[in-house]
Amino acid sequence: MARIGYARVSTSDQDLLSQITKLKSEGCEVVRSEKVSGASRDGRDELATIIEFLRPGDELVVTRLDRLGRNTRDVLNIVHEVEQKGAFLTVLDPHVSTRGEMGHLVLTVLGMVAQMERRFIKERQKGGIQRAKVEGVYRGGKRRLDHERVKAMHAAGHGPAAIARALGCSRMQVYRVLQA
């Protein structure tokens, strides 16, 4: 029986350290982490790897349910896949586990709350952007990738995959910069 931790943050400028520290202090021998949105399961390779290698009796541990996902259907599907492997899920805050029947009910409710919270975040963000546009201060999102460096590396003969590895981004981002 292994305790496997999963930590996730949405953006590359957020820090995973507090989640990883908490998971290790809770006895997780293995902690996998990634920086990707929880809005869907797309691109969440570390989570897919954990689920693929779960064995009967293993425990997937997350600090909060929204780290697992912000879509109720995705969260319930993940719980189902974990259980199909004979494993179970534990959320540390608030402490809930799929070992008991009440855990399923609580996880369903928490999943719905996480999804609603995501909608509220999007609405507040949209409202803030609209206000900023009206006030003439909106400049668009923060550029996370140095476009000039991507172009320079490409001109120097580096391929998109090599550029992506060097800059810590996806190949798709490199392609978008090169096509712009």
N, C-alpha and C. Protein backbone atom coordinates (compact mmCIF):
# COMPACT_ATOMS: atom_id res chain seq x y z
N MET A 1 0.83 -1.19 0.00
CA MET A 1 0.00 0.00 0.00
C MET A 1 0.88 1.25 0.00
N ALA A 2 0.71 2.07 -1.01
CA ALA A 2 1.50 3.30 -1.12
C ALA A 2 0.60 4.51 -0.99
N ARG A 3 1.14 5.56 -0.38
CA ARG A 3 0.46 6.87 -0.35
C ARG A 3 1.16 7.72 -1.40
N ILE A 4 0.40 8.12 -2.41
CA ILE A 4 0.95 8.88 -3.51
C ILE A 4 0.31 10.26 -3.51
N GLY A 5 1.14 11.28 -3.41
CA GLY A 5 0.65 12.65 -3.38
C GLY A 5 0.58 13.26 -4.76
N TYR A 6 -0.40 14.13 -4.96
CA TYR A 6 -0.53 14.88 -6.21
C TYR A 6 -0.70 16.35 -5.87
N ALA A 7 0.20 17.17 -6.40
CA ALA A 7 0.15 18.62 -6.19
C ALA A 7 -0.02 19.29 -7.55
N ARG A 8 -0.84 20.36 -7.57
CA ARG A 8 -1.07 21.08 -8.82
C ARG A 8 -1.31 22.55 -8.54
N VAL A 9 -0.73 23.38 -9.39
CA VAL A 9 -1.07 24.80 -9.43
C VAL A 9 -1.41 25.13 -10.87
N SER A 10 -2.11 26.24 -11.07
CA SER A 10 -2.62 26.56 -12.39
C SER A 10 -1.62 27.24 -13.31
N THR A 11 -0.74 28.05 -12.77
CA THR A 11 0.17 28.81 -13.62
C THR A 11 1.61 28.62 -13.21
N SER A 12 2.50 28.88 -14.14
CA SER A 12 3.93 28.65 -13.89
C SER A 12 4.51 29.59 -12.84
N ASP A 13 3.86 30.72 -12.57
CA ASP A 13 4.39 31.63 -11.55
C ASP A 13 3.88 31.32 -10.15
N GLN A 14 3.05 30.27 -10.00
CA GLN A 14 2.61 29.85 -8.67
C GLN A 14 3.56 28.80 -8.12
N ASP A 15 3.57 28.65 -6.79
CA ASP A 15 4.53 27.78 -6.12
C ASP A 15 3.87 26.50 -5.61
N LEU A 16 4.52 25.38 -5.87
CA LEU A 16 4.04 24.06 -5.44
C LEU A 16 4.59 23.63 -4.08
N LEU A 17 5.55 24.35 -3.56
CA LEU A 17 6.30 23.91 -2.38
C LEU A 17 5.41 23.61 -1.18
N SER A 18 4.43 24.47 -0.88
CA SER A 18 3.60 24.23 0.32
C SER A 18 2.79 22.94 0.18
N GLN A 19 2.27 22.67 -1.01
CA GLN A 19 1.52 21.42 -1.21
C GLN A 19 2.44 20.21 -1.09
N ILE A 20 3.59 20.27 -1.72
CA ILE A 20 4.54 19.14 -1.68
C ILE A 20 4.98 18.87 -0.25
N THR A 21 5.29 19.93 0.50
CA THR A 21 5.71 19.79 1.89
C THR A 21 4.61 19.12 2.71
N LYS A 22 3.38 19.58 2.55
CA LYS A 22 2.25 19.01 3.30
C LYS A 22 2.05 17.54 2.95
N LEU A 23 2.12 17.20 1.67
CA LEU A 23 1.92 15.81 1.24
C LEU A 23 3.01 14.91 1.80
N LYS A 24 4.25 15.38 1.79
CA LYS A 24 5.35 14.57 2.34
C LYS A 24 5.21 14.41 3.85
N SER A 25 4.76 15.47 4.53
CA SER A 25 4.59 15.37 5.98
C SER A 25 3.45 14.43 6.34
N GLU A 26 2.54 14.18 5.41
CA GLU A 26 1.42 13.26 5.62
C GLU A 26 1.80 11.82 5.25
N GLY A 27 3.07 11.60 4.91
CA GLY A 27 3.55 10.24 4.66
C GLY A 27 3.50 9.78 3.21
N CYS A 28 3.36 10.69 2.28
CA CYS A 28 3.37 10.30 0.86
C CYS A 28 4.80 9.98 0.45
N GLU A 29 5.03 8.73 0.04
CA GLU A 29 6.37 8.33 -0.38
C GLU A 29 6.72 8.95 -1.72
N VAL A 30 5.73 9.07 -2.58
CA VAL A 30 5.90 9.64 -3.91
C VAL A 30 4.97 10.84 -4.02
N VAL A 31 5.49 11.96 -4.52
CA VAL A 31 4.67 13.14 -4.78
C VAL A 31 4.93 13.57 -6.21
N ARG A 32 3.89 13.57 -7.01
CA ARG A 32 3.98 14.03 -8.41
C ARG A 32 3.30 15.40 -8.46
N SER A 33 3.85 16.30 -9.27
CA SER A 33 3.28 17.64 -9.32
C SER A 33 3.32 18.17 -10.75
N GLU A 34 2.45 19.16 -11.00
CA GLU A 34 2.44 19.81 -12.30
C GLU A 34 1.85 21.20 -12.20
N LYS A 35 2.18 22.01 -13.18
CA LYS A 35 1.68 23.38 -13.27
C LYS A 35 0.80 23.44 -14.51
N VAL A 36 -0.49 23.22 -14.28
CA VAL A 36 -1.46 23.19 -15.38
C VAL A 36 -2.84 23.47 -14.81
N SER A 37 -3.71 24.03 -15.60
CA SER A 37 -5.06 24.37 -15.14
C SER A 37 -5.83 23.13 -14.71
N GLY A 38 -6.68 23.30 -13.71
CA GLY A 38 -7.53 22.21 -13.24
C GLY A 38 -8.92 22.26 -13.86
N ALA A 39 -9.10 23.14 -14.85
CA ALA A 39 -10.42 23.29 -15.49
C ALA A 39 -10.82 22.02 -16.23
N SER A 40 -9.84 21.29 -16.75
CA SER A 40 -10.12 20.02 -17.41
C SER A 40 -8.93 19.09 -17.18
N ARG A 41 -9.02 17.88 -17.68
CA ARG A 41 -7.93 16.92 -17.50
C ARG A 41 -6.91 16.98 -18.62
N ASP A 42 -7.17 17.80 -19.61
CA ASP A 42 -6.24 17.92 -20.74
C ASP A 42 -4.87 18.40 -20.25
N GLY A 43 -3.82 17.72 -20.69
CA GLY A 43 -2.47 18.13 -20.37
C GLY A 43 -2.01 17.80 -18.96
N ARG A 44 -2.80 17.04 -18.23
CA ARG A 44 -2.42 16.71 -16.85
C ARG A 44 -1.78 15.33 -16.82
N ASP A 45 -0.59 15.28 -17.38
CA ASP A 45 0.12 14.02 -17.57
C ASP A 45 0.53 13.35 -16.26
N GLU A 46 0.90 14.14 -15.26
CA GLU A 46 1.32 13.57 -13.98
C GLU A 46 0.14 12.86 -13.30
N LEU A 47 -1.03 13.47 -13.35
CA LEU A 47 -2.21 12.84 -12.77
C LEU A 47 -2.53 11.55 -13.51
N ALA A 48 -2.45 11.59 -14.84
CA ALA A 48 -2.72 10.38 -15.64
C ALA A 48 -1.73 9.27 -15.29
N THR A 49 -0.47 9.63 -15.07
CA THR A 49 0.55 8.64 -14.72
C THR A 49 0.24 8.01 -13.37
N ILE A 50 -0.14 8.85 -12.40
CA ILE A 50 -0.48 8.32 -11.07
C ILE A 50 -1.62 7.31 -11.19
N ILE A 51 -2.70 7.71 -11.87
CA ILE A 51 -3.87 6.83 -11.97
C ILE A 51 -3.51 5.54 -12.70
N GLU A 52 -2.70 5.65 -13.72
CA GLU A 52 -2.31 4.46 -14.49
C GLU A 52 -1.56 3.45 -13.63
N PHE A 53 -0.74 3.94 -12.72
CA PHE A 53 0.10 3.03 -11.94
C PHE A 53 -0.43 2.70 -10.54
N LEU A 54 -1.63 3.17 -10.21
CA LEU A 54 -2.22 2.81 -8.91
C LEU A 54 -2.44 1.31 -8.81
N ARG A 55 -2.18 0.77 -7.63
CA ARG A 55 -2.41 -0.65 -7.36
C ARG A 55 -3.47 -0.77 -6.28
N PRO A 56 -4.09 -1.95 -6.16
CA PRO A 56 -5.09 -2.13 -5.09
C PRO A 56 -4.50 -1.78 -3.73
N GLY A 57 -5.26 -0.99 -2.97
CA GLY A 57 -4.83 -0.59 -1.64
C GLY A 57 -4.06 0.71 -1.60
N ASP A 58 -3.61 1.22 -2.76
CA ASP A 58 -2.89 2.49 -2.79
C ASP A 58 -3.84 3.64 -2.46
N GLU A 59 -3.25 4.75 -2.08
CA GLU A 59 -4.03 5.93 -1.71
C GLU A 59 -3.49 7.14 -2.46
N LEU A 60 -4.36 7.81 -3.21
CA LEU A 60 -4.03 9.08 -3.87
C LEU A 60 -4.40 10.19 -2.89
N VAL A 61 -3.44 11.07 -2.58
CA VAL A 61 -3.66 12.11 -1.59
C VAL A 61 -3.47 13.49 -2.23
N VAL A 62 -4.43 14.39 -2.01
CA VAL A 62 -4.33 15.77 -2.45
C VAL A 62 -4.58 16.69 -1.25
N THR A 63 -4.01 17.88 -1.28
CA THR A 63 -4.18 18.79 -0.14
C THR A 63 -5.61 19.32 -0.09
N ARG A 64 -6.16 19.71 -1.26
CA ARG A 64 -7.54 20.18 -1.34
C ARG A 64 -8.16 19.61 -2.60
N LEU A 65 -9.46 19.47 -2.62
CA LEU A 65 -10.13 18.86 -3.77
C LEU A 65 -9.93 19.67 -5.04
N ASP A 66 -9.86 21.00 -4.95
CA ASP A 66 -9.69 21.80 -6.16
C ASP A 66 -8.32 21.58 -6.80
N ARG A 67 -7.38 20.98 -6.07
CA ARG A 67 -6.09 20.61 -6.68
C ARG A 67 -6.28 19.43 -7.62
N LEU A 68 -7.28 18.61 -7.36
CA LEU A 68 -7.59 17.46 -8.22
C LEU A 68 -8.34 17.91 -9.47
N GLY A 69 -9.20 18.92 -9.31
CA GLY A 69 -9.93 19.44 -10.46
C GLY A 69 -10.97 20.46 -10.06
N ARG A 70 -11.38 21.26 -11.03
CA ARG A 70 -12.39 22.28 -10.79
C ARG A 70 -13.65 22.02 -11.57
N ASN A 71 -13.78 20.80 -12.05
CA ASN A 71 -14.97 20.40 -12.80
C ASN A 71 -15.54 19.17 -12.10
N THR A 72 -16.78 19.27 -11.67
CA THR A 72 -17.40 18.18 -10.90
C THR A 72 -17.32 16.85 -11.63
N ARG A 73 -17.64 16.86 -12.92
CA ARG A 73 -17.62 15.62 -13.71
C ARG A 73 -16.22 15.02 -13.73
N ASP A 74 -15.19 15.86 -13.93
CA ASP A 74 -13.81 15.36 -13.94
C ASP A 74 -13.43 14.77 -12.60
N VAL A 75 -13.79 15.47 -11.52
CA VAL A 75 -13.45 14.97 -10.17
C VAL A 75 -14.11 13.61 -9.93
N LEU A 76 -15.39 13.51 -10.28
CA LEU A 76 -16.10 12.23 -10.07
C LEU A 76 -15.51 11.13 -10.95
N ASN A 77 -15.11 11.47 -12.17
CA ASN A 77 -14.47 10.48 -13.04
C ASN A 77 -13.13 10.02 -12.47
N ILE A 78 -12.37 10.96 -11.91
CA ILE A 78 -11.08 10.60 -11.31
C ILE A 78 -11.31 9.67 -10.12
N VAL A 79 -12.28 10.01 -9.28
CA VAL A 79 -12.60 9.16 -8.13
C VAL A 79 -12.98 7.76 -8.62
N HIS A 80 -13.80 7.69 -9.65
CA HIS A 80 -14.23 6.39 -10.21
C HIS A 80 -13.02 5.60 -10.72
N GLU A 81 -12.13 6.26 -11.45
CA GLU A 81 -10.95 5.57 -11.99
C GLU A 81 -10.04 5.07 -10.86
N VAL A 82 -9.89 5.88 -9.82
CA VAL A 82 -9.07 5.47 -8.67
C VAL A 82 -9.68 4.22 -8.04
N GLU A 83 -10.99 4.22 -7.87
CA GLU A 83 -11.67 3.08 -7.25
C GLU A 83 -11.62 1.85 -8.15
N GLN A 84 -11.68 2.04 -9.46
CA GLN A 84 -11.57 0.91 -10.39
C GLN A 84 -10.24 0.19 -10.24
N LYS A 85 -9.22 0.92 -9.81
CA LYS A 85 -7.90 0.34 -9.59
C LYS A 85 -7.81 -0.33 -8.21
N GLY A 86 -8.87 -0.24 -7.41
CA GLY A 86 -8.84 -0.82 -6.07
C GLY A 86 -8.17 0.10 -5.06
N ALA A 87 -7.96 1.35 -5.46
CA ALA A 87 -7.32 2.34 -4.58
C ALA A 87 -8.39 3.29 -4.05
N PHE A 88 -7.96 4.28 -3.27
CA PHE A 88 -8.91 5.25 -2.78
C PHE A 88 -8.27 6.63 -2.75
N LEU A 89 -9.10 7.66 -2.60
CA LEU A 89 -8.67 9.05 -2.62
C LEU A 89 -8.84 9.66 -1.23
N THR A 90 -7.86 10.45 -0.81
CA THR A 90 -7.96 11.20 0.44
C THR A 90 -7.65 12.66 0.16
N VAL A 91 -8.55 13.53 0.63
CA VAL A 91 -8.36 14.98 0.57
C VAL A 91 -8.01 15.40 1.99
N LEU A 92 -6.95 16.20 2.15
CA LEU A 92 -6.49 16.58 3.48
C LEU A 92 -7.27 17.73 4.09
N ASP A 93 -7.73 18.68 3.27
CA ASP A 93 -8.42 19.85 3.81
C ASP A 93 -9.68 20.14 3.03
N PRO A 94 -10.85 19.85 3.55
CA PRO A 94 -11.14 19.16 4.80
C PRO A 94 -10.88 17.67 4.64
N HIS A 95 -10.57 17.00 5.73
CA HIS A 95 -10.19 15.58 5.63
C HIS A 95 -11.39 14.73 5.21
N VAL A 96 -11.30 14.20 3.99
CA VAL A 96 -12.35 13.35 3.43
C VAL A 96 -11.67 12.21 2.68
N SER A 97 -12.24 11.02 2.78
CA SER A 97 -11.67 9.87 2.09
C SER A 97 -12.78 9.05 1.46
N THR A 98 -12.45 8.40 0.35
CA THR A 98 -13.43 7.53 -0.30
C THR A 98 -13.47 6.15 0.35
N ARG A 99 -12.78 5.97 1.46
CA ARG A 99 -12.84 4.69 2.16
C ARG A 99 -14.24 4.44 2.72
N GLY A 100 -14.93 5.50 3.08
CA GLY A 100 -16.27 5.36 3.63
C GLY A 100 -17.31 5.92 2.69
N GLU A 101 -18.56 5.50 2.87
CA GLU A 101 -19.65 5.94 2.00
C GLU A 101 -19.90 7.44 2.10
N MET A 102 -19.78 8.02 3.29
CA MET A 102 -19.99 9.46 3.44
C MET A 102 -18.96 10.24 2.65
N GLY A 103 -17.78 9.68 2.47
CA GLY A 103 -16.72 10.35 1.71
C GLY A 103 -17.16 10.66 0.29
N HIS A 104 -17.89 9.73 -0.32
CA HIS A 104 -18.37 9.94 -1.70
C HIS A 104 -19.32 11.12 -1.76
N LEU A 105 -20.22 11.19 -0.83
CA LEU A 105 -21.19 12.28 -0.80
C LEU A 105 -20.48 13.62 -0.61
N VAL A 106 -19.57 13.68 0.35
CA VAL A 106 -18.85 14.91 0.63
C VAL A 106 -18.01 15.33 -0.57
N LEU A 107 -17.34 14.38 -1.22
CA LEU A 107 -16.52 14.70 -2.39
C LEU A 107 -17.37 15.24 -3.54
N THR A 108 -18.56 14.70 -3.71
CA THR A 108 -19.46 15.19 -4.76
C THR A 108 -19.83 16.65 -4.49
N VAL A 109 -20.19 16.94 -3.26
CA VAL A 109 -20.55 18.31 -2.89
C VAL A 109 -19.35 19.24 -3.04
N LEU A 110 -18.17 18.82 -2.57
CA LEU A 110 -16.98 19.65 -2.69
C LEU A 110 -16.61 19.87 -4.15
N GLY A 111 -16.80 18.86 -4.99
CA GLY A 111 -16.55 19.00 -6.42
C GLY A 111 -17.44 20.06 -7.04
N MET A 112 -18.70 20.07 -6.64
CA MET A 112 -19.64 21.08 -7.14
C MET A 112 -19.24 22.46 -6.67
N VAL A 113 -18.77 22.57 -5.43
CA VAL A 113 -18.33 23.86 -4.90
C VAL A 113 -17.10 24.36 -5.67
N ALA A 114 -16.15 23.47 -5.96
CA ALA A 114 -14.95 23.85 -6.71
C ALA A 114 -15.33 24.36 -8.10
N GLN A 115 -16.29 23.71 -8.73
CA GLN A 115 -16.73 24.12 -10.06
C GLN A 115 -17.40 25.50 -9.99
N MET A 116 -18.24 25.70 -8.98
CA MET A 116 -18.88 27.01 -8.82
C MET A 116 -17.84 28.09 -8.55
N GLU A 117 -16.84 27.77 -7.74
CA GLU A 117 -15.79 28.73 -7.43
C GLU A 117 -15.06 29.14 -8.72
N ARG A 118 -14.81 28.18 -9.59
CA ARG A 118 -14.15 28.49 -10.87
C ARG A 118 -15.00 29.45 -11.69
N ARG A 119 -16.32 29.22 -11.71
CA ARG A 119 -17.21 30.12 -12.44
C ARG A 119 -17.16 31.53 -11.85
N PHE A 120 -17.16 31.62 -10.52
CA PHE A 120 -17.09 32.92 -9.87
C PHE A 120 -15.79 33.64 -10.20
N ILE A 121 -14.69 32.90 -10.21
CA ILE A 121 -13.39 33.48 -10.54
C ILE A 121 -13.43 34.05 -11.96
N LYS A 122 -13.96 33.27 -12.89
CA LYS A 122 -14.04 33.71 -14.29
C LYS A 122 -14.91 34.96 -14.41
N GLU A 123 -16.05 35.00 -13.69
CA GLU A 123 -16.93 36.17 -13.74
C GLU A 123 -16.24 37.41 -13.17
N ARG A 124 -15.53 37.25 -12.04
CA ARG A 124 -14.82 38.39 -11.45
C ARG A 124 -13.72 38.88 -12.39
N GLN A 125 -13.02 37.94 -13.00
CA GLN A 125 -11.95 38.28 -13.92
C GLN A 125 -12.50 39.05 -15.12
N LYS A 126 -13.59 38.56 -15.67
CA LYS A 126 -14.22 39.20 -16.82
C LYS A 126 -14.68 40.62 -16.45
N GLY A 127 -15.29 40.77 -15.27
CA GLY A 127 -15.72 42.09 -14.81
C GLY A 127 -14.55 43.04 -14.64
N GLY A 128 -13.47 42.54 -14.08
CA GLY A 128 -12.28 43.37 -13.88
C GLY A 128 -11.68 43.82 -15.20
N ILE A 129 -11.64 42.93 -16.17
CA ILE A 129 -11.12 43.28 -17.50
C ILE A 129 -12.01 44.33 -18.16
N GLN A 130 -13.32 44.15 -18.05
CA GLN A 130 -14.25 45.13 -18.65
C GLN A 130 -14.06 46.51 -18.02
N ARG A 131 -13.93 46.57 -16.68
CA ARG A 131 -13.71 47.85 -16.00
C ARG A 131 -12.39 48.49 -16.46
N ALA A 132 -11.35 47.67 -16.56
CA ALA A 132 -10.04 48.18 -16.98
C ALA A 132 -10.09 48.71 -18.41
N LYS A 133 -10.84 48.04 -19.28
CA LYS A 133 -10.98 48.52 -20.65
C LYS A 133 -11.70 49.87 -20.69
N VAL A 134 -12.77 49.99 -19.90
CA VAL A 134 -13.53 51.24 -19.84
C VAL A 134 -12.63 52.38 -19.35
N GLU A 135 -11.78 52.08 -18.36
CA GLU A 135 -10.88 53.09 -17.80
C GLU A 135 -9.64 53.31 -18.67
N GLY A 136 -9.48 52.49 -19.72
CA GLY A 136 -8.35 52.65 -20.63
C GLY A 136 -7.03 52.16 -20.08
N VAL A 137 -7.06 51.28 -19.11
CA VAL A 137 -5.82 50.79 -18.51
C VAL A 137 -5.54 49.32 -18.83
N TYR A 138 -6.41 48.69 -19.60
CA TYR A 138 -6.22 47.27 -19.91
C TYR A 138 -5.16 47.12 -20.99
N ARG A 139 -4.18 46.32 -20.72
CA ARG A 139 -3.08 46.10 -21.66
C ARG A 139 -3.00 44.65 -22.14
N GLY A 140 -3.98 43.83 -21.78
CA GLY A 140 -3.94 42.42 -22.14
C GLY A 140 -3.22 41.62 -21.07
N GLY A 141 -3.18 40.33 -21.28
CA GLY A 141 -2.54 39.44 -20.30
C GLY A 141 -1.03 39.62 -20.27
N LYS A 142 -0.43 39.21 -19.17
CA LYS A 142 1.01 39.29 -19.01
C LYS A 142 1.69 38.29 -19.94
N ARG A 143 2.64 38.75 -20.72
CA ARG A 143 3.37 37.87 -21.62
C ARG A 143 4.29 36.98 -20.79
N ARG A 144 4.10 35.68 -20.89
CA ARG A 144 4.87 34.73 -20.07
C ARG A 144 6.08 34.16 -20.79
N LEU A 145 6.16 34.41 -22.07
CA LEU A 145 7.22 33.82 -22.88
C LEU A 145 7.93 34.93 -23.64
N ASP A 146 9.25 34.92 -23.64
CA ASP A 146 10.04 35.92 -24.34
C ASP A 146 10.03 35.60 -25.84
N HIS A 147 9.17 36.30 -26.57
CA HIS A 147 8.99 36.04 -28.01
C HIS A 147 10.28 36.27 -28.79
N GLU A 148 11.03 37.29 -28.41
CA GLU A 148 12.28 37.59 -29.13
C GLU A 148 13.30 36.46 -28.95
N ARG A 149 13.34 35.89 -27.75
CA ARG A 149 14.28 34.78 -27.50
C ARG A 149 13.88 33.55 -28.32
N VAL A 150 12.57 33.28 -28.41
CA VAL A 150 12.09 32.15 -29.21
C VAL A 150 12.53 32.34 -30.66
N LYS A 151 12.29 33.53 -31.20
CA LYS A 151 12.65 33.81 -32.60
C LYS A 151 14.15 33.73 -32.81
N ALA A 152 14.94 34.22 -31.85
CA ALA A 152 16.39 34.17 -31.96
C ALA A 152 16.90 32.74 -31.94
N MET A 153 16.34 31.93 -31.06
CA MET A 153 16.76 30.53 -30.99
C MET A 153 16.39 29.79 -32.27
N HIS A 154 15.21 30.11 -32.82
CA HIS A 154 14.78 29.48 -34.08
C HIS A 154 15.71 29.90 -35.22
N ALA A 155 16.07 31.18 -35.26
CA ALA A 155 16.98 31.69 -36.30
C ALA A 155 18.36 31.05 -36.17
N ALA A 156 18.73 30.67 -34.94
CA ALA A 156 20.03 30.04 -34.71
C ALA A 156 20.01 28.55 -35.06
N GLY A 157 18.86 28.06 -35.54
CA GLY A 157 18.78 26.67 -35.99
C GLY A 157 18.18 25.68 -35.01
N HIS A 158 17.70 26.17 -33.87
CA HIS A 158 17.07 25.28 -32.90
C HIS A 158 15.65 24.96 -33.35
N GLY A 159 15.24 23.70 -33.19
CA GLY A 159 13.88 23.28 -33.54
C GLY A 159 12.91 23.63 -32.43
N PRO A 160 11.62 23.59 -32.73
CA PRO A 160 10.59 23.93 -31.73
C PRO A 160 10.69 23.09 -30.45
N ALA A 161 10.96 21.80 -30.57
CA ALA A 161 11.04 20.94 -29.39
C ALA A 161 12.21 21.37 -28.49
N ALA A 162 13.35 21.67 -29.10
CA ALA A 162 14.53 22.10 -28.33
C ALA A 162 14.27 23.46 -27.66
N ILE A 163 13.61 24.36 -28.37
CA ILE A 163 13.29 25.67 -27.80
C ILE A 163 12.34 25.51 -26.62
N ALA A 164 11.32 24.67 -26.78
CA ALA A 164 10.35 24.44 -25.72
C ALA A 164 11.03 23.88 -24.48
N ARG A 165 11.93 22.92 -24.65
CA ARG A 165 12.66 22.34 -23.51
C ARG A 165 13.51 23.41 -22.82
N ALA A 166 14.20 24.21 -23.62
CA ALA A 166 15.10 25.22 -23.05
C ALA A 166 14.33 26.30 -22.28
N LEU A 167 13.14 26.64 -22.75
CA LEU A 167 12.38 27.73 -22.14
C LEU A 167 11.32 27.24 -21.16
N GLY A 168 11.15 25.92 -21.08
CA GLY A 168 10.17 25.37 -20.13
C GLY A 168 8.73 25.65 -20.53
N CYS A 169 8.46 25.54 -21.81
CA CYS A 169 7.09 25.76 -22.29
C CYS A 169 6.71 24.62 -23.23
N SER A 170 5.53 24.68 -23.80
CA SER A 170 5.10 23.63 -24.72
C SER A 170 5.54 23.96 -26.14
N ARG A 171 5.64 22.95 -26.98
CA ARG A 171 5.95 23.18 -28.39
C ARG A 171 4.89 24.04 -29.05
N MET A 172 3.63 23.84 -28.62
CA MET A 172 2.54 24.61 -29.21
C MET A 172 2.75 26.11 -28.99
N GLN A 173 3.24 26.48 -27.80
CA GLN A 173 3.52 27.89 -27.55
C GLN A 173 4.60 28.41 -28.48
N VAL A 174 5.62 27.60 -28.71
CA VAL A 174 6.70 27.99 -29.62
C VAL A 174 6.14 28.17 -31.03
N TYR A 175 5.34 27.22 -31.50
CA TYR A 175 4.73 27.33 -32.83
C TYR A 175 3.90 28.61 -32.95
N ARG A 176 3.13 28.94 -31.92
CA ARG A 176 2.30 30.14 -31.97
C ARG A 176 3.16 31.40 -32.11
N VAL A 177 4.27 31.45 -31.36
CA VAL A 177 5.15 32.61 -31.44
C VAL A 177 5.77 32.70 -32.84
N LEU A 178 6.20 31.57 -33.39
CA LEU A 178 6.84 31.57 -34.71
C LEU A 178 5.85 31.92 -35.82
N GLN A 179 4.58 31.58 -35.64
CA GLN A 179 3.56 31.88 -36.66
C GLN A 179 3.07 33.31 -36.57
N ALA A 180 3.23 33.95 -35.41
CA ALA A 180 2.70 35.31 -35.23
C ALA A 180 3.48 36.33 -36.05
